[in-house]
Amino acid sequence: MTDTAGSNNDLDQKRKEAYFTAGQGQLIWARFKKQKAAMAGAFVLIALILSGIFAPFLTPYDPTIAGRNEAYLNGAPTIPKFCDDNGCSWIPFIYSFERTRSIQTNFRWVTTVNTDKRRYLTFLPKGDTYDLFGMKFDRHLFGVDEGKIHLFGTDSTGKDIFSRTFHAINTSLAVGTIGVFLAFMLALIIGGISGYYGGWVDSFLQMFTDAVRTIPTIPLFMALAAFIPPEWSAEARFFFISMMLGFIGWPTLARRVRTHLLTERNQEYVLAAQLCGATSGHVIRKHLLPSFTSYIIVDLVISFPYMVLSETALSFIGLGLKDPVNSLGVMLQNVTSADVLLNYQWYFIPVIFFITLVLAFVFVGDGLRDAADPYGNTKK
């Protein structure tokens, strides 16, 4: 019993020493791991990010017009099976379909399923060539031995919704990344200068910050959309929207940087660095900003879903990205008609991914915010 008690005391002592000697990042991670919702959101978020990055490999077809199936317009999802009335198979399969016109349907196209003809799934088949990490590949995760497979169905032009959804996640995340990075740089520069120097510099920069905060987003993008040349490529529009989101998304973080620097600029370690001859830029970069790096990271994660929401909202109302670019906002444009709601419910599948992506960011951001708060009450 004495040896057991002694070992337990030694273990407790080591834990206390590890806690008091741990860095800020280690403490945040230790608190973050205790929050189940935040950890679940982190796993979901990582899975979505990876699925977006590797979308060309995970999806069977090109998401643009080049990958459309003209014989299967507004087609329902094709779900693989292992068994049917004709028996079971070790390899999943789907059925063949046929499209016909008849007098009974007023000569509209009608899709009928041929349950007697199976099409078996194949793995790592050759397909459309795509670029990934600067290299060209033509292998995809899955396909079928004959025809095409559409796990989420097709849209009115025959494009595969499954392929479009995963590429759209990648596009929306890319827009958010560029917007957040630009807003981050502007916030550090403007907030750092304002908080470090104070005085008339602070007053002037805060007037500029308040002016940017009061700009209404929707009217601004409506005006910009009217001046965007119609001959702009999809890539040019993509970078323009990303930059505009960054230019109007920095004031909140800049205010927080300024507030922190106003309270820290008179601390002893800052005065010591100044007496040693350090320049203002060196003091801000090497001493002031690193003192609350964790809070900056938390702010970036929290601001990410708002960037994604902004891009989605602008594309949804026709002011952002447009076809042939695949983004979540572009895809949500297709669910506004009553015909889709009544007859083509699979159009709403990207909505599920959009909600999941935003909620994952929110849970991770809330978890990081609580973990970065040294005075927060977390369960042991």
Protein backbone atom coordinates (compact mmCIF):
# COMPACT_ATOMS: atom_id res chain seq x y z
CA MET A 1 0.00 0.00 0.00
CA THR A 2 2.85 2.35 0.86
CA ASP A 3 4.53 1.78 -2.52
CA THR A 4 1.24 2.36 -4.34
CA ALA A 5 0.59 5.59 -2.47
CA GLY A 6 4.12 6.75 -3.15
CA SER A 7 3.83 6.05 -6.87
CA ASN A 8 0.53 7.92 -7.01
CA ASN A 9 2.11 10.91 -5.27
CA ASP A 10 5.01 10.85 -7.72
CA LEU A 11 2.58 10.71 -10.63
CA ASP A 12 0.58 13.66 -9.24
CA GLN A 13 3.79 15.58 -8.71
CA LYS A 14 4.88 14.97 -12.31
CA ARG A 15 1.48 16.10 -13.58
CA LYS A 16 1.71 19.31 -11.58
CA GLU A 17 5.21 19.95 -12.88
CA ALA A 18 4.09 19.28 -16.45
CA TYR A 19 1.17 21.67 -15.99
CA PHE A 20 3.26 24.54 -14.59
CA THR A 21 6.05 24.09 -17.14
CA ALA A 22 3.76 23.63 -20.17
CA GLY A 23 3.66 26.23 -22.88
CA GLN A 24 0.61 28.21 -23.87
CA GLY A 25 -0.13 25.94 -26.82
CA GLN A 26 0.07 22.82 -24.66
CA LEU A 27 -2.33 24.29 -22.10
CA ILE A 28 -4.83 25.23 -24.80
CA TRP A 29 -4.65 21.74 -26.30
CA ALA A 30 -5.14 20.14 -22.88
CA ARG A 31 -8.29 22.22 -22.26
CA PHE A 32 -9.54 21.72 -25.82
CA LYS A 33 -9.34 17.90 -25.59
CA LYS A 34 -11.78 17.92 -22.67
CA GLN A 35 -14.58 19.40 -24.81
CA LYS A 36 -16.35 16.59 -26.64
CA ALA A 37 -18.35 18.83 -28.99
CA ALA A 38 -15.22 20.72 -30.05
CA MET A 39 -13.28 17.49 -30.63
CA ALA A 40 -16.14 16.03 -32.70
CA GLY A 41 -16.29 19.24 -34.71
CA ALA A 42 -12.52 19.08 -35.25
CA PHE A 43 -12.71 15.54 -36.67
CA VAL A 44 -15.61 16.49 -38.95
CA LEU A 45 -13.82 19.65 -40.06
CA ILE A 46 -10.61 17.78 -40.86
CA ALA A 47 -12.59 15.20 -42.84
CA LEU A 48 -14.34 17.93 -44.86
CA ILE A 49 -11.11 19.81 -45.53
CA LEU A 50 -9.37 16.64 -46.73
CA SER A 51 -12.37 15.69 -48.87
CA GLY A 52 -12.23 19.10 -50.50
CA ILE A 53 -8.48 18.95 -51.13
CA PHE A 54 -8.65 15.44 -52.60
CA ALA A 55 -12.00 16.00 -54.35
CA PRO A 56 -10.61 15.28 -57.85
CA PHE A 57 -9.58 11.80 -56.68
CA LEU A 58 -12.59 11.06 -54.47
CA THR A 59 -15.14 12.02 -57.12
CA PRO A 60 -15.62 10.04 -60.33
CA TYR A 61 -16.17 12.88 -62.83
CA ASP A 62 -15.26 16.39 -63.82
CA PRO A 63 -17.75 18.69 -62.03
CA THR A 64 -17.99 21.13 -64.93
CA ILE A 65 -19.93 20.91 -68.18
CA ALA A 66 -17.22 18.60 -69.49
CA GLY A 67 -18.30 15.95 -66.99
CA ARG A 68 -22.04 16.09 -67.52
CA ASN A 69 -24.23 13.11 -68.41
CA GLU A 70 -26.52 14.30 -71.19
CA ALA A 71 -28.51 11.06 -71.01
CA TYR A 72 -29.40 11.53 -67.34
CA LEU A 73 -30.73 15.06 -66.74
CA ASN A 74 -32.24 15.73 -63.29
CA GLY A 75 -31.48 12.10 -62.53
CA ALA A 76 -32.19 10.65 -59.10
CA PRO A 77 -29.31 9.35 -56.92
CA THR A 78 -28.05 5.89 -57.86
CA ILE A 79 -27.40 3.97 -54.64
CA PRO A 80 -25.18 0.87 -54.87
CA LYS A 81 -26.62 -2.45 -53.68
CA PHE A 82 -25.31 -5.87 -52.76
CA CYS A 83 -28.56 -7.84 -53.09
CA ASP A 84 -31.80 -7.75 -55.07
CA ASP A 85 -34.45 -10.19 -56.30
CA ASN A 86 -31.91 -11.77 -58.65
CA GLY A 87 -29.49 -12.67 -55.88
CA CYS A 88 -26.51 -11.16 -54.05
CA SER A 89 -23.05 -10.11 -55.12
CA TRP A 90 -19.77 -9.44 -53.30
CA ILE A 91 -19.26 -6.38 -55.49
CA PRO A 92 -21.72 -3.48 -55.13
CA PHE A 93 -23.76 -2.70 -58.21
CA ILE A 94 -26.33 -0.28 -59.62
CA TYR A 95 -28.99 -0.73 -62.27
CA SER A 96 -28.99 0.46 -65.83
CA PHE A 97 -31.54 3.09 -66.85
CA GLU A 98 -33.29 3.99 -70.06
CA ARG A 99 -34.79 7.32 -71.14
CA THR A 100 -37.82 7.36 -73.44
CA ARG A 101 -40.53 9.74 -74.64
CA SER A 102 -44.20 8.79 -74.90
CA ILE A 103 -47.61 10.31 -75.56
CA GLN A 104 -48.65 9.53 -71.97
CA THR A 105 -45.99 11.90 -70.64
CA ASN A 106 -46.59 14.64 -73.26
CA PHE A 107 -43.36 13.61 -74.95
CA ARG A 108 -41.27 14.44 -71.89
CA TRP A 109 -38.21 12.38 -71.10
CA VAL A 110 -39.00 9.58 -68.67
CA THR A 111 -36.29 7.52 -66.97
CA THR A 112 -37.01 3.85 -66.36
CA VAL A 113 -34.78 1.50 -64.38
CA ASN A 114 -33.77 -1.82 -65.89
CA THR A 115 -33.40 -4.10 -62.85
CA ASP A 116 -32.25 -7.00 -65.01
CA LYS A 117 -29.03 -5.31 -66.05
CA ARG A 118 -26.43 -4.66 -63.40
CA ARG A 119 -23.47 -2.31 -63.56
CA TYR A 120 -20.75 -3.19 -61.07
CA LEU A 121 -18.62 -0.69 -59.20
CA THR A 122 -14.92 -0.56 -59.98
CA PHE A 123 -12.22 0.93 -57.80
CA LEU A 124 -9.31 3.10 -58.94
CA PRO A 125 -10.51 3.23 -62.57
CA LYS A 126 -9.09 5.61 -65.14
CA GLY A 127 -11.18 8.68 -65.86
CA ASP A 128 -10.94 12.43 -66.39
CA THR A 129 -7.43 13.86 -66.01
CA TYR A 130 -6.99 16.26 -63.10
CA ASP A 131 -4.23 18.25 -61.38
CA LEU A 132 -3.33 17.52 -57.76
CA PHE A 133 -0.35 19.12 -56.04
CA GLY A 134 1.06 20.18 -59.40
CA MET A 135 0.92 16.68 -60.90
CA LYS A 136 -1.52 15.14 -63.36
CA PHE A 137 -3.51 11.99 -62.51
CA ASP A 138 -6.32 10.07 -64.16
CA ARG A 139 -7.20 7.58 -61.40
CA HIS A 140 -10.37 8.06 -59.36
CA LEU A 141 -11.55 6.34 -56.20
CA PHE A 142 -14.48 4.55 -57.80
CA GLY A 143 -16.57 4.24 -60.95
CA VAL A 144 -18.68 1.66 -62.79
CA ASP A 145 -17.75 -0.82 -65.46
CA GLU A 146 -20.32 0.63 -67.87
CA GLY A 147 -21.93 4.05 -68.07
CA LYS A 148 -21.82 6.46 -65.13
CA ILE A 149 -22.73 6.47 -61.45
CA HIS A 150 -24.31 9.42 -59.67
CA LEU A 151 -24.45 8.92 -55.90
CA PHE A 152 -26.16 12.30 -55.33
CA GLY A 153 -27.99 12.42 -58.66
CA THR A 154 -27.56 14.98 -61.43
CA ASP A 155 -28.73 18.53 -62.02
CA SER A 156 -30.70 19.99 -64.91
CA THR A 157 -27.63 19.98 -67.16
CA GLY A 158 -26.58 16.43 -66.26
CA LYS A 159 -23.63 17.39 -64.04
CA ASP A 160 -22.83 15.01 -61.21
CA ILE A 161 -23.93 16.58 -57.90
CA PHE A 162 -21.58 14.33 -55.89
CA SER A 163 -18.56 15.64 -57.80
CA ARG A 164 -19.81 19.21 -57.68
CA THR A 165 -20.40 19.09 -53.92
CA PHE A 166 -16.87 18.05 -52.96
CA HIS A 167 -15.27 20.48 -55.39
CA ALA A 168 -17.58 23.20 -54.03
CA ILE A 169 -16.31 22.56 -50.49
CA ASN A 170 -12.77 23.08 -51.72
CA THR A 171 -13.68 26.30 -53.52
CA SER A 172 -15.58 27.79 -50.57
CA LEU A 173 -12.72 26.91 -48.21
CA ALA A 174 -10.21 28.46 -50.63
CA VAL A 175 -12.23 31.69 -50.77
CA GLY A 176 -12.44 31.72 -46.98
CA THR A 177 -8.70 31.06 -46.62
CA ILE A 178 -7.70 33.91 -48.91
CA GLY A 179 -10.20 36.26 -47.28
CA VAL A 180 -9.12 35.35 -43.75
CA PHE A 181 -5.42 35.63 -44.59
CA LEU A 182 -5.85 39.08 -46.13
CA ALA A 183 -8.03 40.26 -43.23
CA PHE A 184 -5.47 38.82 -40.80
CA MET A 185 -2.57 40.75 -42.35
CA LEU A 186 -4.51 44.02 -42.46
CA ALA A 187 -5.69 43.57 -38.87
CA LEU A 188 -2.17 42.95 -37.56
CA ILE A 189 -0.69 45.90 -39.43
CA ILE A 190 -3.40 48.47 -38.72
CA GLY A 191 -4.23 47.23 -35.21
CA GLY A 192 -0.55 46.91 -34.31
CA ILE A 193 0.37 50.42 -35.43
CA SER A 194 -2.73 51.91 -33.80
CA GLY A 195 -2.18 50.21 -30.46
CA TYR A 196 1.58 50.70 -30.27
CA TYR A 197 1.81 54.38 -31.15
CA GLY A 198 -1.53 55.64 -29.78
CA GLY A 199 -2.22 59.36 -29.89
CA TRP A 200 -3.25 60.95 -33.16
CA VAL A 201 -2.13 57.85 -35.10
CA ASP A 202 -4.56 55.74 -33.08
CA SER A 203 -7.37 58.26 -33.54
CA PHE A 204 -6.87 58.45 -37.30
CA LEU A 205 -6.67 54.68 -37.79
CA GLN A 206 -9.72 54.10 -35.59
CA MET A 207 -11.70 56.60 -37.67
CA PHE A 208 -10.67 54.63 -40.76
CA THR A 209 -11.59 51.33 -39.05
CA ASP A 210 -15.03 52.64 -38.08
CA ALA A 211 -15.58 53.86 -41.63
CA VAL A 212 -14.85 50.37 -43.01
CA ARG A 213 -17.12 48.74 -40.41
CA THR A 214 -20.05 50.93 -41.45
CA ILE A 215 -19.86 49.93 -45.13
CA PRO A 216 -22.98 47.86 -45.96
CA THR A 217 -21.86 44.60 -47.54
CA ILE A 218 -24.74 43.82 -49.89
CA PRO A 219 -25.00 47.29 -51.53
CA LEU A 220 -21.20 47.33 -51.89
CA PHE A 221 -21.15 44.02 -53.74
CA MET A 222 -24.15 45.04 -55.84
CA ALA A 223 -22.23 48.10 -56.97
CA LEU A 224 -19.07 46.10 -57.62
CA ALA A 225 -20.99 43.41 -59.51
CA ALA A 226 -22.29 46.09 -61.86
CA PHE A 227 -18.74 47.15 -62.71
CA ILE A 228 -17.19 43.69 -63.09
CA PRO A 229 -16.39 43.21 -66.79
CA PRO A 230 -18.42 40.35 -68.27
CA GLU A 231 -15.33 38.99 -70.01
CA TRP A 232 -13.65 38.24 -66.68
CA SER A 233 -12.76 34.59 -66.25
CA ALA A 234 -14.08 32.48 -63.41
CA GLU A 235 -10.63 32.55 -61.77
CA ALA A 236 -10.47 36.36 -61.90
CA ARG A 237 -13.91 36.65 -60.32
CA PHE A 238 -12.86 34.10 -57.68
CA PHE A 239 -9.81 36.12 -56.56
CA PHE A 240 -11.75 39.39 -56.73
CA ILE A 241 -14.46 38.08 -54.39
CA SER A 242 -11.82 36.65 -52.04
CA MET A 243 -9.95 39.94 -51.85
CA MET A 244 -13.08 41.99 -51.26
CA LEU A 245 -14.13 39.70 -48.40
CA GLY A 246 -10.69 40.22 -46.88
CA PHE A 247 -10.76 43.99 -47.31
CA ILE A 248 -14.02 44.33 -45.37
CA GLY A 249 -13.39 41.59 -42.79
CA TRP A 250 -10.41 42.95 -40.83
CA PRO A 251 -11.82 45.67 -38.49
CA THR A 252 -12.99 43.35 -35.68
CA LEU A 253 -9.62 41.61 -35.28
CA ALA A 254 -7.79 44.94 -35.67
CA ARG A 255 -9.77 46.34 -32.73
CA ARG A 256 -8.73 43.39 -30.55
CA VAL A 257 -5.08 43.71 -31.56
CA ARG A 258 -5.17 47.42 -30.79
CA THR A 259 -6.77 46.90 -27.38
CA HIS A 260 -4.14 44.33 -26.38
CA LEU A 261 -1.22 46.47 -27.53
CA LEU A 262 -2.56 49.52 -25.69
CA THR A 263 -2.41 47.56 -22.44
CA GLU A 264 0.92 45.83 -23.12
CA ARG A 265 3.03 48.58 -24.65
CA ASN A 266 4.02 50.01 -21.24
CA GLN A 267 5.06 46.69 -19.72
CA GLU A 268 8.61 46.19 -18.45
CA TYR A 269 9.66 43.76 -21.17
CA VAL A 270 8.62 46.25 -23.87
CA LEU A 271 10.50 49.09 -22.18
CA ALA A 272 13.56 46.83 -21.86
CA ALA A 273 13.46 46.02 -25.56
CA GLN A 274 13.19 49.73 -26.41
CA LEU A 275 16.13 50.59 -24.16
CA CYS A 276 18.19 47.95 -25.96
CA GLY A 277 17.62 49.84 -29.21
CA ALA A 278 14.91 47.64 -30.74
CA THR A 279 12.89 49.30 -33.47
CA SER A 280 9.12 49.68 -33.23
CA GLY A 281 8.53 47.02 -35.85
CA HIS A 282 10.80 44.58 -33.96
CA VAL A 283 9.01 45.21 -30.67
CA ILE A 284 5.60 44.64 -32.25
CA ARG A 285 6.62 41.49 -34.17
CA LYS A 286 8.86 39.83 -31.60
CA HIS A 287 7.37 40.86 -28.27
CA LEU A 288 3.83 42.22 -28.42
CA LEU A 289 2.09 40.05 -31.04
CA PRO A 290 3.53 36.72 -29.78
CA SER A 291 2.18 37.51 -26.31
CA PHE A 292 -1.35 36.72 -27.51
CA THR A 293 -0.76 34.49 -30.53
CA SER A 294 -3.25 31.91 -29.27
CA TYR A 295 -6.04 34.48 -29.18
CA ILE A 296 -5.25 35.55 -32.73
CA ILE A 297 -5.46 31.93 -33.90
CA VAL A 298 -8.81 31.55 -32.14
CA ASP A 299 -10.10 34.70 -33.83
CA LEU A 300 -9.02 33.36 -37.21
CA VAL A 301 -10.84 30.07 -36.70
CA ILE A 302 -13.98 31.86 -35.50
CA SER A 303 -13.92 34.26 -38.46
CA PHE A 304 -13.54 31.42 -41.00
CA PRO A 305 -17.22 30.35 -41.04
CA TYR A 306 -18.28 33.96 -41.48
CA MET A 307 -16.11 34.20 -44.59
CA VAL A 308 -17.66 30.99 -45.94
CA LEU A 309 -21.13 32.30 -45.11
CA SER A 310 -20.37 35.59 -46.85
CA GLU A 311 -19.19 33.87 -50.02
CA THR A 312 -22.19 31.55 -49.96
CA ALA A 313 -24.67 34.37 -49.42
CA LEU A 314 -23.17 36.53 -52.18
CA SER A 315 -23.08 33.64 -54.66
CA PHE A 316 -26.60 32.63 -53.65
CA ILE A 317 -28.03 36.04 -54.59
CA GLY A 318 -25.98 36.17 -57.79
CA LEU A 319 -23.35 38.72 -56.69
CA GLY A 320 -20.48 36.32 -56.07
CA LEU A 321 -19.15 33.33 -57.95
CA LYS A 322 -21.02 31.92 -60.91
CA ASP A 323 -20.97 28.86 -63.12
CA PRO A 324 -18.77 27.11 -64.15
CA VAL A 325 -17.13 27.72 -60.75
CA ASN A 326 -18.33 25.19 -58.18
CA SER A 327 -18.94 26.68 -54.75
CA LEU A 328 -21.54 25.99 -52.10
CA GLY A 329 -23.21 29.32 -52.82
CA VAL A 330 -23.43 28.58 -56.54
CA MET A 331 -24.99 25.18 -55.83
CA LEU A 332 -27.50 26.65 -53.38
CA GLN A 333 -28.86 28.80 -56.21
CA ASN A 334 -30.41 25.64 -57.65
CA VAL A 335 -32.68 24.97 -54.65
CA THR A 336 -34.74 28.15 -54.84
CA SER A 337 -37.43 26.96 -57.25
CA ALA A 338 -40.62 25.17 -56.21
CA ASP A 339 -40.05 22.57 -58.92
CA VAL A 340 -36.85 21.44 -57.19
CA LEU A 341 -38.57 21.29 -53.81
CA LEU A 342 -41.39 19.11 -55.15
CA ASN A 343 -39.58 16.88 -57.63
CA TYR A 344 -35.80 16.97 -57.22
CA GLN A 345 -35.11 16.81 -53.49
CA TRP A 346 -31.55 15.56 -54.01
CA TYR A 347 -30.59 19.12 -54.93
CA PHE A 348 -30.62 19.78 -51.16
CA ILE A 349 -27.76 17.36 -50.43
CA PRO A 350 -25.11 20.15 -50.74
CA VAL A 351 -27.11 22.13 -48.17
CA ILE A 352 -26.39 19.37 -45.62
CA PHE A 353 -22.65 19.63 -46.30
CA PHE A 354 -22.81 23.42 -46.04
CA ILE A 355 -24.56 23.31 -42.65
CA THR A 356 -22.14 20.63 -41.41
CA LEU A 357 -19.12 22.69 -42.48
CA VAL A 358 -20.33 25.85 -40.76
CA LEU A 359 -21.32 24.02 -37.55
CA ALA A 360 -17.94 22.27 -37.43
CA PHE A 361 -16.16 25.62 -37.62
CA VAL A 362 -18.45 27.05 -34.95
CA PHE A 363 -17.85 24.16 -32.53
CA VAL A 364 -14.09 24.24 -33.06
CA GLY A 365 -14.00 28.04 -32.71
CA ASP A 366 -16.04 27.99 -29.50
CA GLY A 367 -13.85 25.22 -28.11
CA LEU A 368 -10.65 27.10 -28.90
CA ARG A 369 -12.05 30.30 -27.44
CA ASP A 370 -12.88 28.57 -24.16
CA ALA A 371 -9.56 26.73 -24.12
CA ALA A 372 -7.58 29.93 -24.71
CA ASP A 373 -9.30 31.67 -21.78
CA PRO A 374 -7.08 31.09 -18.71
CA TYR A 375 -9.90 32.15 -16.41
CA GLY A 376 -12.53 29.95 -18.03
CA ASN A 377 -14.17 27.24 -15.97
CA THR A 378 -13.51 23.91 -17.64
CA LYS A 379 -14.34 20.51 -16.23
CA LYS A 380 -11.37 18.57 -14.97
